[in-house]
C-alpha atoms as a PDB file:
ATOM      1  CA  MET A   1     -31.986-106.301 137.967  1.00  0.00           C
ATOM      2  CA  ARG A   2     -33.034-103.295 135.889  1.00  0.00           C
ATOM      3  CA  LEU A   3     -36.000-101.120 136.845  1.00  0.00           C
ATOM      4  CA  VAL A   4     -38.122 -98.556 134.986  1.00  0.00           C
ATOM      5  CA  GLN A   5     -40.645 -95.934 136.108  1.00  0.00           C
ATOM      6  CA  PHE A   6     -43.479 -95.317 133.676  1.00  0.00           C
ATOM      7  CA  SER A   7     -47.073 -94.228 133.329  1.00  0.00           C
ATOM      8  CA  GLY A   8     -49.814 -96.745 132.614  1.00  0.00           C
ATOM      9  CA  HIS A   9     -52.561 -96.064 130.085  1.00  0.00           C
ATOM     10  CA  ASP A  10     -54.687 -94.979 133.051  1.00  0.00           C
ATOM     11  CA  GLY A  11     -52.205 -92.192 133.791  1.00  0.00           C
ATOM     12  CA  VAL A  12     -51.059 -93.749 137.078  1.00  0.00           C
ATOM     13  CA  ARG A  13     -47.328 -94.027 137.738  1.00  0.00           C
ATOM     14  CA  ARG A  14     -45.897 -97.523 137.950  1.00  0.00           C
ATOM     15  CA  VAL A  15     -42.581 -99.262 138.553  1.00  0.00           C
ATOM     16  CA  GLY A  16     -41.601-102.247 136.441  1.00  0.00           C
ATOM     17  CA  ALA A  17     -38.758-104.756 136.344  1.00  0.00           C
ATOM     18  CA  VAL A  18     -37.334-105.297 132.859  1.00  0.00           C
ATOM     19  CA  SER A  19     -37.759-108.862 131.587  1.00  0.00           C
ATOM     20  CA  ASP A  20     -34.709-110.903 130.572  1.00  0.00           C
ATOM     21  CA  ASP A  21     -35.498-110.384 126.884  1.00  0.00           C
ATOM     22  CA  GLY A  22     -36.140-106.663 127.379  1.00  0.00           C
ATOM     23  CA  ALA A  23     -39.632-106.902 125.870  1.00  0.00           C
ATOM     24  CA  THR A  24     -41.855-106.370 128.899  1.00  0.00           C
ATOM     25  CA  LEU A  25     -42.023-104.600 132.240  1.00  0.00           C
ATOM     26  CA  GLN A  26     -43.193-106.746 135.156  1.00  0.00           C
ATOM     27  CA  VAL A  27     -45.200-104.431 137.386  1.00  0.00           C
ATOM     28  CA  VAL A  28     -44.189-103.970 141.016  1.00  0.00           C
ATOM     29  CA  GLY A  29     -47.421-104.093 143.011  1.00  0.00           C
ATOM     30  CA  GLY A  30     -48.592-101.126 145.052  1.00  0.00           C
ATOM     31  CA  VAL A  31     -45.627 -98.936 144.064  1.00  0.00           C
ATOM     32  CA  GLU A  32     -46.063 -95.723 142.074  1.00  0.00           C
ATOM     33  CA  ARG A  33     -42.589 -94.339 142.689  1.00  0.00           C
ATOM     34  CA  LEU A  34     -39.414 -96.263 143.440  1.00  0.00           C
ATOM     35  CA  TYR A  35     -38.377 -93.634 145.993  1.00  0.00           C
ATOM     36  CA  GLY A  36     -40.909 -94.774 148.619  1.00  0.00           C
ATOM     37  CA  LEU A  37     -39.959 -98.418 148.234  1.00  0.00           C
ATOM     38  CA  ALA A  38     -36.264 -97.544 148.561  1.00  0.00           C
ATOM     39  CA  MET A  39     -36.897 -95.549 151.753  1.00  0.00           C
ATOM     40  CA  ASP A  40     -38.827 -98.491 153.225  1.00  0.00           C
ATOM     41  CA  ALA A  41     -36.032-100.890 152.246  1.00  0.00           C
ATOM     42  CA  ALA A  42     -33.454 -98.638 153.931  1.00  0.00           C
ATOM     43  CA  ARG A  43     -35.478 -98.522 157.157  1.00  0.00           C
ATOM     44  CA  ASP A  44     -35.924-102.308 157.080  1.00  0.00           C
ATOM     45  CA  LYS A  45     -32.220-102.917 156.299  1.00  0.00           C
ATOM     46  CA  GLN A  46     -33.319-104.747 153.163  1.00  0.00           C
ATOM     47  CA  SER A  47     -31.784-104.560 149.693  1.00  0.00           C
ATOM     48  CA  LEU A  48     -33.772-102.774 147.016  1.00  0.00           C
ATOM     49  CA  GLU A  49     -33.679-105.858 144.805  1.00  0.00           C
ATOM     50  CA  ALA A  50     -35.176-108.007 147.560  1.00  0.00           C
ATOM     51  CA  ALA A  51     -37.889-105.405 148.228  1.00  0.00           C
ATOM     52  CA  VAL A  52     -38.814-105.348 144.540  1.00  0.00           C
ATOM     53  CA  LYS A  53     -38.899-109.133 144.194  1.00  0.00           C
ATOM     54  CA  GLN A  54     -41.338-109.395 147.115  1.00  0.00           C
ATOM     55  CA  ARG A  55     -43.802-107.142 145.280  1.00  0.00           C
ATOM     56  CA  LEU A  56     -43.598-108.377 141.683  1.00  0.00           C
ATOM     57  CA  THR A  57     -47.003-109.170 140.183  1.00  0.00           C
ATOM     58  CA  ASP A  58     -48.117-111.115 137.111  1.00  0.00           C
ATOM     59  CA  GLU A  59     -49.090-107.862 135.381  1.00  0.00           C
ATOM     60  CA  ARG A  60     -46.870-106.971 132.445  1.00  0.00           C
ATOM     61  CA  GLU A  61     -46.596-103.935 130.182  1.00  0.00           C
ATOM     62  CA  ASP A  62     -45.247-103.749 126.625  1.00  0.00           C
ATOM     63  CA  TYR A  63     -41.930-101.936 127.070  1.00  0.00           C
ATOM     64  CA  ALA A  64     -41.540-100.849 123.441  1.00  0.00           C
ATOM     65  CA  LEU A  65     -45.042 -99.363 123.485  1.00  0.00           C
ATOM     66  CA  ALA A  66     -44.315 -97.382 126.654  1.00  0.00           C
ATOM     67  CA  ILE A  67     -41.220 -95.972 124.944  1.00  0.00           C
ATOM     68  CA  ALA A  68     -43.026 -95.178 121.680  1.00  0.00           C
ATOM     69  CA  GLU A  69     -45.822 -93.404 123.565  1.00  0.00           C
ATOM     70  CA  LYS A  70     -43.285 -91.464 125.654  1.00  0.00           C
ATOM     71  CA  ARG A  71     -44.679 -92.750 128.938  1.00  0.00           C
ATOM     72  CA  LEU A  72     -41.322 -93.177 130.681  1.00  0.00           C
ATOM     73  CA  TYR A  73     -40.039 -91.220 133.654  1.00  0.00           C
ATOM     74  CA  VAL A  74     -36.442 -91.129 134.816  1.00  0.00           C
ATOM     75  CA  PRO A  75     -35.877 -94.376 136.735  1.00  0.00           C
ATOM     76  CA  PHE A  76     -35.475 -92.783 140.172  1.00  0.00           C
ATOM     77  CA  ASP A  77     -36.606 -89.386 141.462  1.00  0.00           C
ATOM     78  CA  HIS A  78     -37.870 -87.551 144.534  1.00  0.00           C
ATOM     79  CA  PRO A  79     -41.521 -86.493 144.797  1.00  0.00           C
ATOM     80  CA  ASP A  80     -40.281 -82.988 145.720  1.00  0.00           C
ATOM     81  CA  PRO A  81     -37.859 -81.748 143.012  1.00  0.00           C
ATOM     82  CA  TYR A  82     -36.173 -79.413 145.488  1.00  0.00           C
ATOM     83  CA  HIS A  83     -34.866 -82.490 147.340  1.00  0.00           C
ATOM     84  CA  HIS A  84     -33.487 -84.026 144.146  1.00  0.00           C
ATOM     85  CA  LEU A  85     -29.952 -82.685 143.608  1.00  0.00           C
ATOM     86  CA  VAL A  86     -28.034 -83.113 140.350  1.00  0.00           C
ATOM     87  CA  THR A  87     -24.250 -82.775 140.363  1.00  0.00           C
ATOM     88  CA  GLY A  88     -21.253 -84.219 138.584  1.00  0.00           C
ATOM     89  CA  THR A  89     -17.544 -84.480 138.082  1.00  0.00           C
ATOM     90  CA  GLY A  90     -15.241 -84.201 135.087  1.00  0.00           C
ATOM     91  CA  LEU A  91     -11.723 -85.099 133.969  1.00  0.00           C
ATOM     92  CA  SER A  92     -12.367 -88.595 135.293  1.00  0.00           C
ATOM     93  CA  HIS A  93     -12.090 -90.817 132.178  1.00  0.00           C
ATOM     94  CA  LEU A  94      -8.994 -92.209 130.512  1.00  0.00           C
ATOM     95  CA  GLY A  95     -10.537 -92.599 127.052  1.00  0.00           C
ATOM     96  CA  SER A  96      -9.543 -95.038 124.338  1.00  0.00           C
ATOM     97  CA  ALA A  97      -6.140 -96.717 124.148  1.00  0.00           C
ATOM     98  CA  ALA A  98      -4.966 -94.136 121.587  1.00  0.00           C
ATOM     99  CA  ALA A  99      -6.195 -91.270 123.774  1.00  0.00           C
ATOM    100  CA  ARG A 100      -4.431 -92.810 126.773  1.00  0.00           C
ATOM    101  CA  ASP A 101      -1.131 -92.989 124.888  1.00  0.00           C
ATOM    102  CA  SER A 102      -1.468 -89.369 123.804  1.00  0.00           C
ATOM    103  CA  MET A 103      -2.411 -88.276 127.321  1.00  0.00           C
ATOM    104  CA  HIS A 104       0.533 -90.168 128.819  1.00  0.00           C
ATOM    105  CA  VAL A 105       2.939 -88.209 126.616  1.00  0.00           C
ATOM    106  CA  LYS A 106       1.356 -84.903 127.615  1.00  0.00           C
ATOM    107  CA  LEU A 107       1.545 -85.753 131.321  1.00  0.00           C
ATOM    108  CA  GLN A 108       5.320 -86.156 131.108  1.00  0.00           C
ATOM    109  CA  THR A 109       5.516 -82.380 130.736  1.00  0.00           C
ATOM    110  CA  ASP A 110       6.614 -80.435 133.807  1.00  0.00           C
ATOM    111  CA  GLU A 111       3.483 -79.684 135.841  1.00  0.00           C
ATOM    112  CA  THR A 112       4.147 -75.956 135.732  1.00  0.00           C
ATOM    113  CA  GLN A 113       3.647 -76.132 131.952  1.00  0.00           C
ATOM    114  CA  LEU A 114       0.291 -77.930 132.159  1.00  0.00           C
ATOM    115  CA  THR A 115      -3.086 -76.219 131.920  1.00  0.00           C
ATOM    116  CA  ASP A 116      -5.315 -76.294 135.006  1.00  0.00           C
ATOM    117  CA  SER A 117      -7.418 -79.018 133.362  1.00  0.00           C
ATOM    118  CA  MET A 118      -4.391 -81.191 132.622  1.00  0.00           C
ATOM    119  CA  LYS A 119      -3.067 -80.654 136.132  1.00  0.00           C
ATOM    120  CA  MET A 120      -6.329 -81.856 137.625  1.00  0.00           C
ATOM    121  CA  PHE A 121      -6.416 -84.835 135.263  1.00  0.00           C
ATOM    122  CA  LYS A 122      -2.837 -85.712 136.258  1.00  0.00           C
ATOM    123  CA  TRP A 123      -3.748 -85.478 139.939  1.00  0.00           C
ATOM    124  CA  GLY A 124      -6.571 -87.934 139.281  1.00  0.00           C
ATOM    125  CA  VAL A 125      -4.246 -90.355 137.484  1.00  0.00           C
ATOM    126  CA  ASP A 126      -1.753 -90.127 140.354  1.00  0.00           C
ATOM    127  CA  GLY A 127      -4.174 -90.153 143.296  1.00  0.00           C
ATOM    128  CA  GLY A 128      -7.761 -90.825 142.210  1.00  0.00           C
ATOM    129  CA  LYS A 129      -7.793 -94.506 143.167  1.00  0.00           C
ATOM    130  CA  PRO A 130      -6.565 -94.631 146.771  1.00  0.00           C
ATOM    131  CA  ALA A 131      -6.078 -97.794 148.783  1.00  0.00           C
ATOM    132  CA  PRO A 132      -9.155 -99.059 150.666  1.00  0.00           C
ATOM    133  CA  ASP A 133     -10.150 -96.949 153.675  1.00  0.00           C
ATOM    134  CA  THR A 134      -8.004 -94.030 152.538  1.00  0.00           C
ATOM    135  CA  ILE A 135      -8.964 -90.774 150.839  1.00  0.00           C
ATOM    136  CA  GLY A 136      -7.734 -89.861 147.378  1.00  0.00           C
ATOM    137  CA  ILE A 137      -7.371 -86.557 145.564  1.00  0.00           C
ATOM    138  CA  ALA A 138     -10.521 -84.480 145.132  1.00  0.00           C
ATOM    139  CA  PRO A 139     -11.916 -84.434 141.574  1.00  0.00           C
ATOM    140  CA  GLU A 140     -13.406 -81.577 139.619  1.00  0.00           C
ATOM    141  CA  TRP A 141     -17.002 -81.016 140.810  1.00  0.00           C
ATOM    142  CA  PHE A 142     -19.963 -79.049 139.514  1.00  0.00           C
ATOM    143  CA  TYR A 143     -23.590 -78.345 140.375  1.00  0.00           C
ATOM    144  CA  LYS A 144     -26.174 -78.853 137.659  1.00  0.00           C
ATOM    145  CA  GLY A 145     -29.486 -78.137 139.348  1.00  0.00           C
ATOM    146  CA  ASP A 146     -32.334 -79.808 141.200  1.00  0.00           C
ATOM    147  CA  GLY A 147     -35.121 -82.068 139.981  1.00  0.00           C
ATOM    148  CA  ARG A 148     -36.599 -79.282 137.872  1.00  0.00           C
ATOM    149  CA  CYS A 149     -33.708 -79.634 135.398  1.00  0.00           C
ATOM    150  CA  VAL A 150     -34.379 -83.341 134.821  1.00  0.00           C
ATOM    151  CA  VAL A 151     -36.059 -84.383 131.559  1.00  0.00           C
ATOM    152  CA  ALA A 152     -37.604 -87.823 131.002  1.00  0.00           C
ATOM    153  CA  PRO A 153     -36.190 -90.154 128.351  1.00  0.00           C
ATOM    154  CA  GLU A 154     -37.659 -89.636 124.846  1.00  0.00           C
ATOM    155  CA  HIS A 155     -38.499 -86.002 125.632  1.00  0.00           C
ATOM    156  CA  ALA A 156     -36.843 -82.812 124.361  1.00  0.00           C
ATOM    157  CA  LEU A 157     -34.069 -80.969 126.163  1.00  0.00           C
ATOM    158  CA  ASP A 158     -34.564 -77.203 126.341  1.00  0.00           C
ATOM    159  CA  LEU A 159     -32.254 -74.886 124.422  1.00  0.00           C
ATOM    160  CA  PRO A 160     -32.424 -71.527 126.256  1.00  0.00           C
ATOM    161  CA  GLU A 161     -32.351 -68.338 124.193  1.00  0.00           C
ATOM    162  CA  TYR A 162     -29.099 -67.323 125.892  1.00  0.00           C
ATOM    163  CA  ALA A 163     -27.381 -70.655 125.086  1.00  0.00           C
ATOM    164  CA  LEU A 164     -24.511 -70.712 122.606  1.00  0.00           C
ATOM    165  CA  ASP A 165     -24.727 -74.473 122.143  1.00  0.00           C
ATOM    166  CA  GLY A 166     -26.613 -77.519 123.317  1.00  0.00           C
ATOM    167  CA  GLY A 167     -24.573 -80.703 123.158  1.00  0.00           C
ATOM    168  CA  GLU A 168     -24.803 -84.119 124.742  1.00  0.00           C
ATOM    169  CA  GLU A 169     -22.290 -85.571 127.177  1.00  0.00           C
ATOM    170  CA  VAL A 170     -22.251 -89.373 127.276  1.00  0.00           C
ATOM    171  CA  GLU A 171     -21.964 -90.508 130.883  1.00  0.00           C
ATOM    172  CA  VAL A 172     -22.930 -92.970 133.576  1.00  0.00           C
ATOM    173  CA  VAL A 173     -24.726 -91.577 136.634  1.00  0.00           C
ATOM    174  CA  GLY A 174     -24.766 -92.849 140.182  1.00  0.00           C
ATOM    175  CA  ILE A 175     -28.109 -92.506 141.975  1.00  0.00           C
ATOM    176  CA  TYR A 176     -28.171 -92.141 145.758  1.00  0.00           C
ATOM    177  CA  LEU A 177     -30.601 -91.907 148.645  1.00  0.00           C
ATOM    178  CA  CYS A 178     -29.787 -90.273 151.975  1.00  0.00           C
ATOM    179  CA  GLY A 179     -31.057 -92.291 154.919  1.00  0.00           C
ATOM    180  CA  GLU A 180     -32.586 -90.973 158.105  1.00  0.00           C
ATOM    181  CA  ASN A 181     -29.482 -91.451 160.274  1.00  0.00           C
ATOM    182  CA  ASP A 182     -26.748 -89.938 158.082  1.00  0.00           C
ATOM    183  CA  GLU A 183     -26.407 -93.109 155.988  1.00  0.00           C
ATOM    184  CA  ILE A 184     -25.842 -92.854 152.241  1.00  0.00           C
ATOM    185  CA  TYR A 185     -27.323 -95.577 150.039  1.00  0.00           C
ATOM    186  CA  ARG A 186     -26.313 -96.192 146.457  1.00  0.00           C
ATOM    187  CA  VAL A 187     -29.577 -97.061 144.702  1.00  0.00           C
ATOM    188  CA  GLY A 188     -27.983 -97.964 141.371  1.00  0.00           C
ATOM    189  CA  PHE A 189     -26.661 -96.609 138.086  1.00  0.00           C
ATOM    190  CA  ALA A 190     -28.093 -95.361 134.797  1.00  0.00           C
ATOM    191  CA  LEU A 191     -27.043 -93.991 131.437  1.00  0.00           C
ATOM    192  CA  GLY A 192     -26.866 -90.204 131.493  1.00  0.00           C
ATOM    193  CA  ASN A 193     -26.890 -87.282 129.088  1.00  0.00           C
ATOM    194  CA  GLU A 194     -25.373 -84.394 131.020  1.00  0.00           C
ATOM    195  CA  TYR A 195     -26.078 -81.887 128.203  1.00  0.00           C
ATOM    196  CA  SER A 196     -24.010 -78.718 128.427  1.00  0.00           C
ATOM    197  CA  ASP A 197     -23.090 -75.529 126.578  1.00  0.00           C
ATOM    198  CA  HIS A 198     -19.633 -76.369 125.256  1.00  0.00           C
ATOM    199  CA  VAL A 199     -19.220 -73.199 123.192  1.00  0.00           C
ATOM    200  CA  MET A 200     -19.640 -71.111 126.341  1.00  0.00           C
ATOM    201  CA  GLU A 201     -17.226 -73.306 128.276  1.00  0.00           C
ATOM    202  CA  ARG A 202     -14.553 -73.039 125.586  1.00  0.00           C
ATOM    203  CA  GLN A 203     -14.632 -69.242 125.719  1.00  0.00           C
ATOM    204  CA  ASN A 204     -13.114 -69.375 129.183  1.00  0.00           C
ATOM    205  CA  TYR A 205     -12.864 -72.275 131.614  1.00  0.00           C
ATOM    206  CA  LEU A 206     -14.282 -70.044 134.362  1.00  0.00           C
ATOM    207  CA  TYR A 207     -17.560 -70.220 132.430  1.00  0.00           C
ATOM    208  CA  LEU A 208     -17.771 -73.931 133.283  1.00  0.00           C
ATOM    209  CA  ALA A 209     -20.258 -73.336 136.110  1.00  0.00           C
ATOM    210  CA  HIS A 210     -22.534 -71.378 133.758  1.00  0.00           C
ATOM    211  CA  SER A 211     -22.257 -73.980 131.000  1.00  0.00           C
ATOM    212  CA  LYS A 212     -23.502 -76.751 133.299  1.00  0.00           C
ATOM    213  CA  LEU A 213     -26.710 -74.979 134.334  1.00  0.00           C
ATOM    214  CA  ARG A 214     -28.789 -76.748 131.709  1.00  0.00           C
ATOM    215  CA  GLN A 215     -31.229 -79.621 131.704  1.00  0.00           C
ATOM    216  CA  CYS A 216     -30.187 -83.270 131.663  1.00  0.00           C
ATOM    217  CA  SER A 217     -31.645 -86.736 131.329  1.00  0.00           C
ATOM    218  CA  TYR A 218     -30.841 -90.214 132.630  1.00  0.00           C
ATOM    219  CA  GLY A 219     -32.243 -93.700 132.249  1.00  0.00           C
ATOM    220  CA  PRO A 220     -34.434 -95.175 130.996  1.00  0.00           C
ATOM    221  CA  GLU A 221     -33.336 -98.063 133.223  1.00  0.00           C
ATOM    222  CA  LEU A 222     -31.908 -98.204 136.733  1.00  0.00           C
ATOM    223  CA  LEU A 223     -29.200-100.859 137.019  1.00  0.00           C
ATOM    224  CA  VAL A 224     -29.429-102.181 140.586  1.00  0.00           C
ATOM    225  CA  GLY A 225     -26.209-103.466 142.134  1.00  0.00           C
ATOM    226  CA  GLU A 226     -22.567-102.758 141.377  1.00  0.00           C
ATOM    227  CA  LEU A 227     -21.368-100.893 138.306  1.00  0.00           C
ATOM    228  CA  PRO A 228     -19.412-103.227 135.992  1.00  0.00           C
ATOM    229  CA  ALA A 229     -15.704-102.390 136.027  1.00  0.00           C
ATOM    230  CA  HIS A 230     -15.789-102.150 132.239  1.00  0.00           C
ATOM    231  CA  VAL A 231     -18.766-100.429 130.613  1.00  0.00           C
ATOM    232  CA  SER A 232     -18.901-100.132 126.829  1.00  0.00           C
ATOM    233  CA  GLY A 233     -21.456 -98.604 124.537  1.00  0.00           C
ATOM    234  CA  HIS A 234     -22.207 -96.616 121.417  1.00  0.00           C
ATOM    235  CA  ALA A 235     -23.476 -93.061 121.081  1.00  0.00           C
ATOM    236  CA  ARG A 236     -25.054 -91.359 118.047  1.00  0.00           C
ATOM    237  CA  LEU A 237     -26.381 -87.987 116.977  1.00  0.00           C
ATOM    238  CA  LEU A 238     -29.240 -88.379 114.513  1.00  0.00           C
ATOM    239  CA  ARG A 239     -30.586 -85.687 112.198  1.00  0.00           C
ATOM    240  CA  GLY A 240     -33.617 -86.974 110.343  1.00  0.00           C
ATOM    241  CA  ASN A 241     -32.537 -90.238 108.698  1.00  0.00           C
ATOM    242  CA  ASP A 242     -28.855 -89.343 108.860  1.00  0.00           C
ATOM    243  CA  VAL A 243     -26.286 -90.297 111.484  1.00  0.00           C
ATOM    244  CA  LEU A 244     -24.445 -87.023 111.980  1.00  0.00           C
ATOM    245  CA  TRP A 245     -21.957 -88.420 114.486  1.00  0.00           C
ATOM    246  CA  GLU A 246     -21.347 -91.738 116.226  1.00  0.00           C
ATOM    247  CA  GLU A 247     -18.669 -93.173 118.458  1.00  0.00           C
ATOM    248  CA  ASP A 248     -18.027 -96.073 120.806  1.00  0.00           C
ATOM    249  CA  TRP A 249     -17.549 -95.092 124.429  1.00  0.00           C
ATOM    250  CA  LEU A 250     -16.072 -96.583 127.584  1.00  0.00           C
ATOM    251  CA  SER A 251     -16.760 -96.090 131.274  1.00  0.00           C
ATOM    252  CA  GLY A 252     -16.509 -98.028 134.522  1.00  0.00           C
ATOM    253  CA  GLU A 253     -13.551 -97.961 136.882  1.00  0.00           C
ATOM    254  CA  ASP A 254     -11.259 -99.804 134.437  1.00  0.00           C
ATOM    255  CA  ASN A 255     -11.568 -96.768 132.180  1.00  0.00           C
ATOM    256  CA  MET A 256     -11.491 -94.043 134.841  1.00  0.00           C
ATOM    257  CA  CYS A 257      -8.702 -92.350 136.778  1.00  0.00           C
ATOM    258  CA  HIS A 258     -10.926 -91.991 139.864  1.00  0.00           C
ATOM    259  CA  SER A 259     -12.595 -94.814 141.743  1.00  0.00           C
ATOM    260  CA  ILE A 260     -16.341 -94.590 142.266  1.00  0.00           C
ATOM    261  CA  ALA A 261     -15.722 -94.658 146.025  1.00  0.00           C
ATOM    262  CA  ASN A 262     -13.414 -91.644 145.757  1.00  0.00           C
ATOM    263  CA  LEU A 263     -15.953 -89.650 143.752  1.00  0.00           C
ATOM    264  CA  GLU A 264     -18.642 -90.570 146.272  1.00  0.00           C
ATOM    265  CA  HIS A 265     -16.544 -89.546 149.256  1.00  0.00           C
ATOM    266  CA  HIS A 266     -15.705 -86.133 147.841  1.00  0.00           C
ATOM    267  CA  HIS A 267     -19.366 -85.444 147.150  1.00  0.00           C
ATOM    268  CA  PHE A 268     -20.922 -86.682 150.371  1.00  0.00           C
ATOM    269  CA  LYS A 269     -18.206 -85.327 152.669  1.00  0.00           C
ATOM    270  CA  TYR A 270     -20.207 -82.097 152.618  1.00  0.00           C
ATOM    271  CA  GLY A 271     -22.859 -82.227 155.313  1.00  0.00           C
ATOM    272  CA  ASP A 272     -25.348 -80.289 153.189  1.00  0.00           C
ATOM    273  CA  PHE A 273     -25.430 -83.262 150.832  1.00  0.00           C
ATOM    274  CA  ARG A 274     -26.515 -85.723 153.497  1.00  0.00           C
ATOM    275  CA  GLY A 275     -30.005 -84.393 154.183  1.00  0.00           C
ATOM    276  CA  ALA A 276     -32.337 -87.179 155.303  1.00  0.00           C
ATOM    277  CA  GLY A 277     -34.520 -88.381 152.444  1.00  0.00           C
ATOM    278  CA  ASP A 278     -32.724 -86.425 149.724  1.00  0.00           C
ATOM    279  CA  VAL A 279     -31.995 -87.956 146.322  1.00  0.00           C
ATOM    280  CA  HIS A 280     -28.681 -87.293 144.588  1.00  0.00           C
ATOM    281  CA  VAL A 281     -27.910 -87.957 140.936  1.00  0.00           C
ATOM    282  CA  HIS A 282     -24.187 -87.639 140.247  1.00  0.00           C
ATOM    283  CA  PHE A 283     -22.672 -87.681 136.754  1.00  0.00           C
ATOM    284  CA  PHE A 284     -19.349 -89.532 136.682  1.00  0.00           C
ATOM    285  CA  GLY A 285     -17.760 -87.601 133.813  1.00  0.00           C
ATOM    286  CA  ALA A 286     -18.065 -87.519 130.062  1.00  0.00           C
ATOM    287  CA  ALA A 287     -16.856 -90.530 128.117  1.00  0.00           C
ATOM    288  CA  THR A 288     -17.421 -88.733 124.798  1.00  0.00           C
ATOM    289  CA  GLY A 289     -19.808 -86.409 122.937  1.00  0.00           C
ATOM    290  CA  SER A 290     -20.356 -84.961 119.475  1.00  0.00           C
ATOM    291  CA  PHE A 291     -18.831 -81.666 120.673  1.00  0.00           C
ATOM    292  CA  THR A 292     -15.418 -83.396 120.654  1.00  0.00           C
ATOM    293  CA  LYS A 293     -15.693 -83.379 116.845  1.00  0.00           C
ATOM    294  CA  ASN A 294     -16.963 -79.767 116.756  1.00  0.00           C
ATOM    295  CA  VAL A 295     -20.439 -80.842 115.596  1.00  0.00           C
ATOM    296  CA  ALA A 296     -23.023 -78.052 115.794  1.00  0.00           C
ATOM    297  CA  THR A 297     -26.374 -79.440 116.948  1.00  0.00           C
ATOM    298  CA  LYS A 298     -29.740 -78.214 115.656  1.00  0.00           C
ATOM    299  CA  HIS A 299     -33.369 -78.254 116.756  1.00  0.00           C
ATOM    300  CA  GLY A 300     -34.806 -81.723 116.224  1.00  0.00           C
ATOM    301  CA  ASP A 301     -31.525 -83.628 116.486  1.00  0.00           C
ATOM    302  CA  ILE A 302     -31.761 -86.865 118.483  1.00  0.00           C
ATOM    303  CA  PHE A 303     -29.151 -87.754 121.099  1.00  0.00           C
ATOM    304  CA  GLU A 304     -28.869 -91.526 121.576  1.00  0.00           C
ATOM    305  CA  ILE A 305     -26.708 -93.159 124.257  1.00  0.00           C
ATOM    306  CA  ALA A 306     -26.635 -96.956 124.341  1.00  0.00           C
ATOM    307  CA  SER A 307     -24.981 -99.775 126.273  1.00  0.00           C
ATOM    308  CA  GLN A 308     -26.190-103.375 126.347  1.00  0.00           C
ATOM    309  CA  GLN A 309     -25.299-103.485 130.036  1.00  0.00           C
ATOM    310  CA  PHE A 310     -28.000-100.865 130.699  1.00  0.00           C
ATOM    311  CA  GLY A 311     -30.772-102.217 128.461  1.00  0.00           C
ATOM    312  CA  LYS A 312     -32.655 -99.776 126.246  1.00  0.00           C
ATOM    313  CA  PRO A 313     -30.844 -96.648 124.997  1.00  0.00           C
ATOM    314  CA  LEU A 314     -31.355 -93.181 126.436  1.00  0.00           C
ATOM    315  CA  ARG A 315     -32.811 -90.918 123.750  1.00  0.00           C
ATOM    316  CA  ASN A 316     -33.667 -87.211 123.853  1.00  0.00           C
ATOM    317  CA  SER A 317     -34.286 -84.648 121.150  1.00  0.00           C
ATOM    318  CA  LEU A 318     -33.005 -81.077 121.095  1.00  0.00           C
ATOM    319  CA  GLY A 319     -35.781 -78.524 121.508  1.00  0.00           C
ATOM    320  CA  SER A 320     -36.075 -75.174 119.774  1.00  0.00           C
ATOM    321  CA  LYS A 321     -34.692 -72.016 121.360  1.00  0.00           C
ATOM    322  CA  ASN A 322     -37.026 -70.586 123.966  1.00  0.00           C
ATOM    323  CA  GLY A 323     -37.160 -67.660 126.351  1.00  0.00           C
ATOM    324  CA  THR A 324     -36.094 -64.089 125.809  1.00  0.00           C
ATOM    325  CA  ARG A 325     -32.846 -62.159 125.654  1.00  0.00           C
ATOM    326  CA  ALA A 326     -34.392 -59.188 127.445  1.00  0.00           C
ATOM    327  CA  PRO A 327     -32.639 -58.287 130.709  1.00  0.00           C
ATOM    328  CA  ILE A 328     -34.094 -59.775 133.869  1.00  0.00           C
ATOM    329  CA  LYS A 329     -35.406 -56.843 135.927  1.00  0.00           C
ATOM    330  CA  VAL A 330     -35.050 -56.967 139.685  1.00  0.00           C
ATOM    331  CA  GLN A 331     -37.118 -54.579 141.749  1.00  0.00           C
ATOM    332  CA  SER A 332     -36.807 -53.376 145.301  1.00  0.00           C
ATOM    333  CA  LEU A 333     -39.347 -54.697 147.771  1.00  0.00           C
END
């Protein structure tokens, strides 16, 4: 089952289930936001899919029209953006077969000769997929922001005046809901554009935290259930009628050095991330991005991330630079 949040022509939020042919959205009755339905399902010990099926109506919306009119929301969010936390991990993907061969050669080097990034990647390869009921090595982790940094599909991502770059990161996100009694529920998965400042990050790896404090987008569809072990797709960067960059990408546990369960444990082991009712969106690591080919993005470029397993592609444009370079003044109170 794949679910979408969107606005009707009357301006009221709706939730819809994507039809088998991907042409229509079957409206879920009496539900304006998937969050409330998910909370009810958790209390009732019911699966989200079952809760949705009980409320499906005969009303249908034209999916392509909702996309064209930019009436989509991200597929799962919290009504209070301050309770909607966005985080992620990196150095988690093995890449293509050629990249794996190259990486294998590099990892044969004595660990004292490896960079910090390569050390952490090696630790993931060696210990990121522990046996069931055991804990593996901790991955890289970063904070991206709260719900205020989230941009709906088909809408523009901000390029702050202080940014040195604005580039997409092609990822899968896990979407989670914290229950009322310390339970953690995995709501589903979606395509994600983590969108970072790679020029800043390359200046010095200690700038990583700064480079991640940008907007992001995910969706347009929520894939309910388990993530396929092998996820494949295609990503493009469009400039006008030209394809500036494109590349196939891989994700899913078959193509990762960390298991999903290991990434989840090392995020939710922190008590602050188990607040009742909170929503967590966690990026699982970049599969690829135009920055890997040193492409410089420009205002108006379109980021497109697609995978048939997730339905419609995630598309966002790059906005113009905004804000000011003037120093932020802080005054005594």
